[in-house]
Amino acid sequence: MFSDVGGLELLTLVVMAIIIFGPDKLPKLIQDTMGFIRKIRSFADNAKEDIRSELGPEFKDFEFEDLHPKTFVRKQLMGGQEDPLGLKEMKDSLDIRSVLDDKPAAPVNGRSGSVSFEKPAAAAAAPAAAFTGAPLQPGERPPFDPDAT
């Protein structure tokens, strides 16, 4: 909320507070403000605990942050898994430095990073048959080609 307030702005606010409220009333004002913030936090925590106790034992691990639309959709679509689509594996296998240095990329799933765009003779002779290379094992992901995206 206040992450964009810099040092100069904070110093300006302190000087203005000293000028407006005076050095005599400022400590009392700070104490009153902190007490008010503590009361609001305790009120919110008590309300959360009351809601959890009313929901019952099946919702003991319920978090209010889960009601945020982004969190709710992510949890429902991905089933609570960290990376169900395997995007982290693809991101880790993509080496940006090798692309920028014009070096060949590391092999992905045991296949070389160089891609040939020429059709093999068998595919040219029989257009219905597609060149697939070695068949994938069960559970193996197809290779990721950063130039194809």
N, C-alpha and C. Protein backbone atom coordinates (compact mmCIF):
# COMPACT_ATOMS: atom_id res chain seq x y z
N MET A 1 0.83 -1.19 0.00
CA MET A 1 0.00 0.00 0.00
C MET A 1 0.87 1.25 0.00
N PHE A 2 1.91 1.23 0.85
CA PHE A 2 2.78 2.40 0.94
C PHE A 2 4.16 2.09 0.36
N SER A 3 4.24 1.14 -0.54
CA SER A 3 5.53 0.73 -1.08
C SER A 3 6.11 1.76 -2.04
N ASP A 4 5.29 2.68 -2.54
CA ASP A 4 5.80 3.66 -3.48
C ASP A 4 6.17 4.99 -2.81
N VAL A 5 6.17 5.02 -1.47
CA VAL A 5 6.55 6.23 -0.75
C VAL A 5 8.05 6.19 -0.54
N GLY A 6 8.75 7.19 -1.06
CA GLY A 6 10.19 7.26 -0.94
C GLY A 6 10.63 7.98 0.31
N GLY A 7 11.94 8.07 0.47
CA GLY A 7 12.51 8.71 1.65
C GLY A 7 12.18 10.19 1.75
N LEU A 8 12.21 10.88 0.61
CA LEU A 8 11.92 12.31 0.63
C LEU A 8 10.46 12.58 0.99
N GLU A 9 9.56 11.77 0.47
CA GLU A 9 8.15 11.94 0.81
C GLU A 9 7.90 11.67 2.29
N LEU A 10 8.57 10.64 2.83
CA LEU A 10 8.41 10.31 4.23
C LEU A 10 8.94 11.42 5.12
N LEU A 11 10.08 11.98 4.75
CA LEU A 11 10.65 13.10 5.50
C LEU A 11 9.72 14.31 5.46
N THR A 12 9.13 14.58 4.30
CA THR A 12 8.18 15.69 4.15
C THR A 12 6.96 15.49 5.05
N LEU A 13 6.45 14.26 5.10
CA LEU A 13 5.29 13.98 5.96
C LEU A 13 5.63 14.16 7.44
N VAL A 14 6.82 13.75 7.86
CA VAL A 14 7.23 13.91 9.26
C VAL A 14 7.35 15.40 9.60
N VAL A 15 7.97 16.17 8.73
CA VAL A 15 8.12 17.61 8.98
C VAL A 15 6.75 18.28 9.03
N MET A 16 5.86 17.91 8.11
CA MET A 16 4.51 18.51 8.12
C MET A 16 3.75 18.13 9.38
N ALA A 17 3.90 16.88 9.85
CA ALA A 17 3.22 16.45 11.08
C ALA A 17 3.74 17.23 12.28
N ILE A 18 5.03 17.47 12.33
CA ILE A 18 5.60 18.25 13.44
C ILE A 18 5.08 19.68 13.39
N ILE A 19 4.99 20.24 12.19
CA ILE A 19 4.51 21.63 12.05
C ILE A 19 3.02 21.72 12.40
N ILE A 20 2.21 20.77 11.90
CA ILE A 20 0.76 20.85 12.11
C ILE A 20 0.38 20.53 13.55
N PHE A 21 0.90 19.42 14.12
CA PHE A 21 0.47 18.99 15.44
C PHE A 21 1.39 19.48 16.55
N GLY A 22 2.59 19.85 16.21
CA GLY A 22 3.53 20.33 17.21
C GLY A 22 4.25 19.17 17.88
N PRO A 23 5.43 19.44 18.40
CA PRO A 23 6.21 18.37 19.04
C PRO A 23 5.59 17.89 20.36
N ASP A 24 4.68 18.67 20.95
CA ASP A 24 4.07 18.27 22.21
C ASP A 24 2.99 17.21 22.00
N LYS A 25 2.16 17.39 20.98
CA LYS A 25 1.02 16.49 20.76
C LYS A 25 1.36 15.30 19.85
N LEU A 26 2.46 15.34 19.15
CA LEU A 26 2.79 14.31 18.17
C LEU A 26 2.98 12.92 18.80
N PRO A 27 3.71 12.77 19.93
CA PRO A 27 3.83 11.42 20.52
C PRO A 27 2.49 10.83 20.94
N LYS A 28 1.61 11.65 21.50
CA LYS A 28 0.27 11.18 21.90
C LYS A 28 -0.53 10.77 20.67
N LEU A 29 -0.41 11.51 19.58
CA LEU A 29 -1.11 11.19 18.34
C LEU A 29 -0.62 9.86 17.77
N ILE A 30 0.70 9.63 17.82
CA ILE A 30 1.25 8.37 17.32
C ILE A 30 0.76 7.21 18.17
N GLN A 31 0.72 7.36 19.48
CA GLN A 31 0.22 6.30 20.37
C GLN A 31 -1.24 6.00 20.09
N ASP A 32 -2.06 7.01 19.92
CA ASP A 32 -3.48 6.81 19.64
C ASP A 32 -3.68 6.10 18.30
N THR A 33 -2.89 6.49 17.30
CA THR A 33 -3.00 5.87 15.98
C THR A 33 -2.60 4.40 16.04
N MET A 34 -1.51 4.08 16.72
CA MET A 34 -1.07 2.70 16.85
C MET A 34 -2.09 1.87 17.63
N GLY A 35 -2.68 2.43 18.67
CA GLY A 35 -3.72 1.72 19.42
C GLY A 35 -4.93 1.43 18.55
N PHE A 36 -5.31 2.38 17.71
CA PHE A 36 -6.45 2.20 16.80
C PHE A 36 -6.15 1.09 15.79
N ILE A 37 -4.94 1.08 15.26
CA ILE A 37 -4.56 0.03 14.30
C ILE A 37 -4.57 -1.34 14.97
N ARG A 38 -4.07 -1.44 16.21
CA ARG A 38 -4.10 -2.72 16.95
C ARG A 38 -5.53 -3.20 17.17
N LYS A 39 -6.43 -2.27 17.50
CA LYS A 39 -7.84 -2.65 17.72
C LYS A 39 -8.47 -3.16 16.43
N ILE A 40 -8.19 -2.52 15.32
CA ILE A 40 -8.74 -2.95 14.03
C ILE A 40 -8.21 -4.34 13.67
N ARG A 41 -6.91 -4.57 13.88
CA ARG A 41 -6.33 -5.89 13.57
C ARG A 41 -6.93 -6.98 14.45
N SER A 42 -7.08 -6.70 15.73
CA SER A 42 -7.66 -7.72 16.62
C SER A 42 -9.12 -7.97 16.27
N PHE A 43 -9.85 -6.93 15.88
CA PHE A 43 -11.24 -7.11 15.44
C PHE A 43 -11.31 -8.01 14.20
N ALA A 44 -10.43 -7.77 13.24
CA ALA A 44 -10.41 -8.58 12.02
C ALA A 44 -10.01 -10.02 12.33
N ASP A 45 -9.01 -10.22 13.19
CA ASP A 45 -8.60 -11.59 13.55
C ASP A 45 -9.72 -12.33 14.28
N ASN A 46 -10.42 -11.64 15.19
CA ASN A 46 -11.54 -12.27 15.90
C ASN A 46 -12.67 -12.62 14.95
N ALA A 47 -12.93 -11.75 13.98
CA ALA A 47 -13.98 -12.04 13.00
C ALA A 47 -13.61 -13.26 12.16
N LYS A 48 -12.35 -13.38 11.76
CA LYS A 48 -11.91 -14.55 10.98
C LYS A 48 -12.06 -15.83 11.80
N GLU A 49 -11.65 -15.77 13.07
CA GLU A 49 -11.76 -16.96 13.92
C GLU A 49 -13.22 -17.35 14.14
N ASP A 50 -14.10 -16.36 14.30
CA ASP A 50 -15.53 -16.66 14.45
C ASP A 50 -16.09 -17.33 13.21
N ILE A 51 -15.70 -16.84 12.04
CA ILE A 51 -16.19 -17.43 10.79
C ILE A 51 -15.67 -18.86 10.66
N ARG A 52 -14.40 -19.09 10.98
CA ARG A 52 -13.84 -20.45 10.90
C ARG A 52 -14.54 -21.40 11.87
N SER A 53 -14.82 -20.93 13.08
CA SER A 53 -15.49 -21.80 14.05
C SER A 53 -16.93 -22.09 13.64
N GLU A 54 -17.59 -21.15 12.99
CA GLU A 54 -18.97 -21.37 12.53
C GLU A 54 -19.04 -22.28 11.31
N LEU A 55 -18.00 -22.29 10.49
CA LEU A 55 -18.00 -23.15 9.31
C LEU A 55 -17.87 -24.62 9.67
N GLY A 56 -17.23 -24.92 10.76
CA GLY A 56 -17.11 -26.31 11.19
C GLY A 56 -15.72 -26.87 10.95
N PRO A 57 -15.54 -28.14 11.39
CA PRO A 57 -14.20 -28.74 11.31
C PRO A 57 -13.74 -29.05 9.89
N GLU A 58 -14.66 -29.21 8.95
CA GLU A 58 -14.24 -29.52 7.58
C GLU A 58 -13.59 -28.32 6.90
N PHE A 59 -13.73 -27.12 7.47
CA PHE A 59 -13.11 -25.92 6.90
C PHE A 59 -12.01 -25.38 7.81
N LYS A 60 -11.35 -26.26 8.58
CA LYS A 60 -10.33 -25.78 9.51
C LYS A 60 -9.11 -25.22 8.80
N ASP A 61 -8.81 -25.70 7.57
CA ASP A 61 -7.66 -25.19 6.82
C ASP A 61 -8.08 -24.11 5.82
N PHE A 62 -9.27 -23.56 5.97
CA PHE A 62 -9.77 -22.52 5.08
C PHE A 62 -8.99 -21.23 5.27
N GLU A 63 -8.56 -20.64 4.17
CA GLU A 63 -7.84 -19.37 4.21
C GLU A 63 -8.65 -18.33 3.44
N PHE A 64 -8.76 -17.14 3.97
CA PHE A 64 -9.53 -16.09 3.32
C PHE A 64 -8.84 -15.58 2.05
N GLU A 65 -7.53 -15.79 1.95
CA GLU A 65 -6.81 -15.40 0.74
C GLU A 65 -7.25 -16.25 -0.45
N ASP A 66 -7.79 -17.44 -0.17
CA ASP A 66 -8.27 -18.31 -1.25
C ASP A 66 -9.50 -17.75 -1.95
N LEU A 67 -10.16 -16.77 -1.35
CA LEU A 67 -11.34 -16.17 -1.95
C LEU A 67 -10.99 -15.10 -2.99
N HIS A 68 -9.72 -14.72 -3.06
CA HIS A 68 -9.29 -13.77 -4.08
C HIS A 68 -9.50 -14.44 -5.44
N PRO A 69 -10.09 -13.74 -6.42
CA PRO A 69 -10.41 -14.38 -7.70
C PRO A 69 -9.24 -15.06 -8.38
N LYS A 70 -8.07 -14.45 -8.39
CA LYS A 70 -6.91 -15.07 -9.03
C LYS A 70 -6.51 -16.36 -8.33
N THR A 71 -6.47 -16.32 -7.01
CA THR A 71 -6.10 -17.51 -6.26
C THR A 71 -7.15 -18.60 -6.42
N PHE A 72 -8.42 -18.22 -6.40
CA PHE A 72 -9.50 -19.19 -6.53
C PHE A 72 -9.45 -19.89 -7.88
N VAL A 73 -9.28 -19.14 -8.96
CA VAL A 73 -9.24 -19.73 -10.30
C VAL A 73 -8.01 -20.61 -10.44
N ARG A 74 -6.85 -20.15 -9.97
CA ARG A 74 -5.62 -20.94 -10.07
C ARG A 74 -5.78 -22.26 -9.32
N LYS A 75 -6.37 -22.20 -8.14
CA LYS A 75 -6.54 -23.41 -7.34
C LYS A 75 -7.53 -24.38 -7.99
N GLN A 76 -8.60 -23.84 -8.58
CA GLN A 76 -9.60 -24.70 -9.19
C GLN A 76 -9.09 -25.31 -10.50
N LEU A 77 -8.38 -24.54 -11.30
CA LEU A 77 -7.89 -25.04 -12.58
C LEU A 77 -6.72 -25.99 -12.42
N MET A 78 -5.83 -25.69 -11.51
CA MET A 78 -4.62 -26.48 -11.38
C MET A 78 -4.72 -27.53 -10.29
N GLY A 79 -5.81 -27.57 -9.58
CA GLY A 79 -6.01 -28.61 -8.59
C GLY A 79 -5.06 -28.55 -7.41
N GLY A 80 -4.53 -27.39 -7.10
CA GLY A 80 -3.64 -27.26 -5.96
C GLY A 80 -2.22 -27.73 -6.23
N GLN A 81 -1.94 -28.22 -7.43
CA GLN A 81 -0.59 -28.66 -7.75
C GLN A 81 0.28 -27.45 -8.05
N GLU A 82 1.56 -27.62 -7.84
CA GLU A 82 2.48 -26.50 -8.07
C GLU A 82 2.62 -26.20 -9.55
N ASP A 83 2.83 -27.23 -10.38
CA ASP A 83 3.05 -27.02 -11.81
C ASP A 83 2.47 -28.20 -12.60
N PRO A 84 1.15 -28.28 -12.75
CA PRO A 84 0.56 -29.45 -13.40
C PRO A 84 0.82 -29.51 -14.90
N LEU A 85 1.12 -28.40 -15.54
CA LEU A 85 1.32 -28.39 -16.99
C LEU A 85 2.77 -28.61 -17.38
N GLY A 86 3.67 -28.66 -16.42
CA GLY A 86 5.08 -28.88 -16.72
C GLY A 86 5.77 -27.65 -17.29
N LEU A 87 5.25 -26.47 -17.00
CA LEU A 87 5.84 -25.25 -17.54
C LEU A 87 7.18 -24.93 -16.89
N LYS A 88 7.34 -25.31 -15.63
CA LYS A 88 8.61 -25.06 -14.95
C LYS A 88 9.73 -25.86 -15.61
N GLU A 89 9.45 -27.09 -15.98
CA GLU A 89 10.45 -27.93 -16.66
C GLU A 89 10.85 -27.31 -18.00
N MET A 90 9.88 -26.83 -18.75
CA MET A 90 10.18 -26.21 -20.03
C MET A 90 10.97 -24.92 -19.84
N LYS A 91 10.61 -24.13 -18.83
CA LYS A 91 11.32 -22.88 -18.57
C LYS A 91 12.76 -23.17 -18.17
N ASP A 92 12.95 -24.20 -17.36
CA ASP A 92 14.30 -24.54 -16.94
C ASP A 92 15.14 -25.07 -18.09
N SER A 93 14.51 -25.77 -19.04
CA SER A 93 15.26 -26.34 -20.15
C SER A 93 15.58 -25.28 -21.21
N LEU A 94 14.87 -24.17 -21.22
CA LEU A 94 15.13 -23.11 -22.19
C LEU A 94 16.30 -22.27 -21.70
N ASP A 95 17.36 -22.27 -22.46
CA ASP A 95 18.56 -21.53 -22.07
C ASP A 95 18.66 -20.28 -22.94
N ILE A 96 18.29 -19.14 -22.38
CA ILE A 96 18.28 -17.88 -23.12
C ILE A 96 19.70 -17.48 -23.52
N ARG A 97 20.67 -17.78 -22.68
CA ARG A 97 22.05 -17.39 -22.99
C ARG A 97 22.54 -18.07 -24.27
N SER A 98 22.17 -19.35 -24.44
CA SER A 98 22.62 -20.05 -25.65
C SER A 98 21.97 -19.46 -26.89
N VAL A 99 20.75 -18.97 -26.77
CA VAL A 99 20.09 -18.35 -27.90
C VAL A 99 20.76 -17.02 -28.23
N LEU A 100 21.10 -16.26 -27.21
CA LEU A 100 21.74 -14.97 -27.43
C LEU A 100 23.18 -15.12 -27.91
N ASP A 101 23.88 -16.19 -27.51
CA ASP A 101 25.27 -16.41 -27.91
C ASP A 101 25.38 -17.21 -29.20
N ASP A 102 24.28 -17.56 -29.83
CA ASP A 102 24.23 -18.37 -31.04
C ASP A 102 24.87 -19.74 -30.84
N LYS A 103 24.77 -20.27 -29.63
CA LYS A 103 25.24 -21.62 -29.36
C LYS A 103 24.05 -22.55 -29.42
N PRO A 104 24.25 -23.81 -29.74
CA PRO A 104 23.12 -24.74 -29.74
C PRO A 104 22.60 -24.96 -28.33
N ALA A 105 21.30 -25.09 -28.21
CA ALA A 105 20.67 -25.29 -26.92
C ALA A 105 20.93 -26.70 -26.41
N ALA A 106 20.76 -26.87 -25.12
CA ALA A 106 20.93 -28.19 -24.52
C ALA A 106 19.82 -29.11 -25.00
N PRO A 107 20.09 -30.41 -25.08
CA PRO A 107 19.05 -31.33 -25.53
C PRO A 107 17.87 -31.35 -24.57
N VAL A 108 16.67 -31.44 -25.12
CA VAL A 108 15.45 -31.52 -24.35
C VAL A 108 14.90 -32.92 -24.53
N ASN A 109 14.64 -33.60 -23.43
CA ASN A 109 14.11 -34.97 -23.46
C ASN A 109 14.99 -35.89 -24.30
N GLY A 110 16.30 -35.71 -24.24
CA GLY A 110 17.22 -36.59 -24.93
C GLY A 110 17.35 -36.33 -26.42
N ARG A 111 16.79 -35.26 -26.91
CA ARG A 111 16.88 -34.95 -28.34
C ARG A 111 17.73 -33.70 -28.52
N SER A 112 18.34 -33.56 -29.67
CA SER A 112 19.23 -32.42 -29.87
C SER A 112 18.42 -31.14 -30.05
N GLY A 113 19.07 -30.01 -29.74
CA GLY A 113 18.39 -28.72 -29.84
C GLY A 113 18.31 -28.21 -31.26
N SER A 114 19.10 -28.77 -32.18
CA SER A 114 19.05 -28.28 -33.56
C SER A 114 17.84 -28.89 -34.25
N VAL A 115 17.15 -28.09 -35.01
CA VAL A 115 15.94 -28.52 -35.69
C VAL A 115 16.17 -28.45 -37.18
N SER A 116 15.83 -29.51 -37.88
CA SER A 116 15.95 -29.52 -39.33
C SER A 116 14.59 -29.25 -39.94
N PHE A 117 14.53 -28.31 -40.85
CA PHE A 117 13.26 -27.96 -41.46
C PHE A 117 13.06 -28.65 -42.80
N GLU A 118 13.99 -29.50 -43.19
CA GLU A 118 13.85 -30.22 -44.46
C GLU A 118 12.99 -31.45 -44.23
N LYS A 119 12.13 -31.77 -45.20
CA LYS A 119 11.30 -32.96 -45.10
C LYS A 119 12.14 -34.17 -45.47
N PRO A 120 12.00 -35.27 -44.73
CA PRO A 120 12.71 -36.48 -45.11
C PRO A 120 12.13 -37.06 -46.40
N ALA A 121 12.90 -37.91 -47.04
CA ALA A 121 12.48 -38.47 -48.32
C ALA A 121 11.20 -39.28 -48.17
N ALA A 122 11.03 -39.98 -47.05
CA ALA A 122 9.82 -40.78 -46.85
C ALA A 122 8.60 -39.88 -46.73
N ALA A 123 8.76 -38.73 -46.09
CA ALA A 123 7.62 -37.82 -45.93
C ALA A 123 7.30 -37.14 -47.24
N ALA A 124 8.32 -36.89 -48.06
CA ALA A 124 8.06 -36.27 -49.36
C ALA A 124 7.36 -37.25 -50.28
N ALA A 125 7.71 -38.52 -50.17
CA ALA A 125 7.09 -39.53 -51.02
C ALA A 125 5.67 -39.84 -50.57
N ALA A 126 5.45 -39.89 -49.28
CA ALA A 126 4.12 -40.20 -48.76
C ALA A 126 3.68 -39.03 -47.88
N PRO A 127 2.93 -38.05 -48.44
CA PRO A 127 2.57 -36.88 -47.64
C PRO A 127 1.63 -37.22 -46.48
N ALA A 128 0.93 -38.34 -46.52
CA ALA A 128 0.02 -38.68 -45.43
C ALA A 128 0.78 -39.10 -44.18
N ALA A 129 1.98 -39.64 -44.34
CA ALA A 129 2.77 -40.09 -43.20
C ALA A 129 3.59 -38.91 -42.69
N ALA A 130 3.45 -38.58 -41.44
CA ALA A 130 4.17 -37.45 -40.84
C ALA A 130 5.44 -37.96 -40.19
N PHE A 131 6.50 -37.16 -40.24
CA PHE A 131 7.75 -37.53 -39.60
C PHE A 131 7.60 -37.28 -38.11
N THR A 132 7.72 -38.31 -37.33
CA THR A 132 7.53 -38.17 -35.89
C THR A 132 8.80 -38.43 -35.10
N GLY A 133 9.82 -38.99 -35.70
CA GLY A 133 11.03 -39.32 -34.96
C GLY A 133 10.77 -40.53 -34.09
N ALA A 134 11.50 -40.64 -33.00
CA ALA A 134 11.31 -41.78 -32.09
C ALA A 134 10.00 -41.60 -31.35
N PRO A 135 9.26 -42.70 -31.15
CA PRO A 135 7.99 -42.56 -30.42
C PRO A 135 8.23 -42.19 -28.96
N LEU A 136 7.31 -41.40 -28.42
CA LEU A 136 7.42 -40.97 -27.04
C LEU A 136 7.01 -42.10 -26.10
N GLN A 137 7.69 -42.19 -24.98
CA GLN A 137 7.35 -43.17 -23.96
C GLN A 137 6.13 -42.65 -23.19
N PRO A 138 5.38 -43.53 -22.55
CA PRO A 138 4.23 -43.07 -21.75
C PRO A 138 4.68 -42.10 -20.66
N GLY A 139 4.04 -40.97 -20.60
CA GLY A 139 4.37 -39.94 -19.62
C GLY A 139 5.46 -38.99 -20.08
N GLU A 140 6.10 -39.25 -21.21
CA GLU A 140 7.15 -38.37 -21.72
C GLU A 140 6.53 -37.19 -22.46
N ARG A 141 7.11 -36.02 -22.27
CA ARG A 141 6.60 -34.82 -22.91
C ARG A 141 7.29 -34.64 -24.27
N PRO A 142 6.58 -34.08 -25.25
CA PRO A 142 7.22 -33.81 -26.54
C PRO A 142 8.26 -32.70 -26.38
N PRO A 143 9.26 -32.63 -27.27
CA PRO A 143 10.30 -31.62 -27.13
C PRO A 143 9.73 -30.21 -27.32
N PHE A 144 10.36 -29.26 -26.65
CA PHE A 144 9.93 -27.87 -26.70
C PHE A 144 10.83 -27.13 -27.67
N ASP A 145 10.25 -26.46 -28.65
CA ASP A 145 11.01 -25.70 -29.63
C ASP A 145 10.72 -24.23 -29.44
N PRO A 146 11.67 -23.44 -28.90
CA PRO A 146 11.39 -22.03 -28.64
C PRO A 146 11.17 -21.22 -29.91
N ASP A 147 11.69 -21.71 -31.06
CA ASP A 147 11.48 -20.98 -32.31
C ASP A 147 10.09 -21.20 -32.88
N ALA A 148 9.40 -22.24 -32.44
CA ALA A 148 8.08 -22.55 -32.98
C ALA A 148 6.98 -21.75 -32.29
N THR A 149 7.29 -21.11 -31.18
CA THR A 149 6.26 -20.39 -30.44
C THR A 149 6.23 -18.94 -30.82
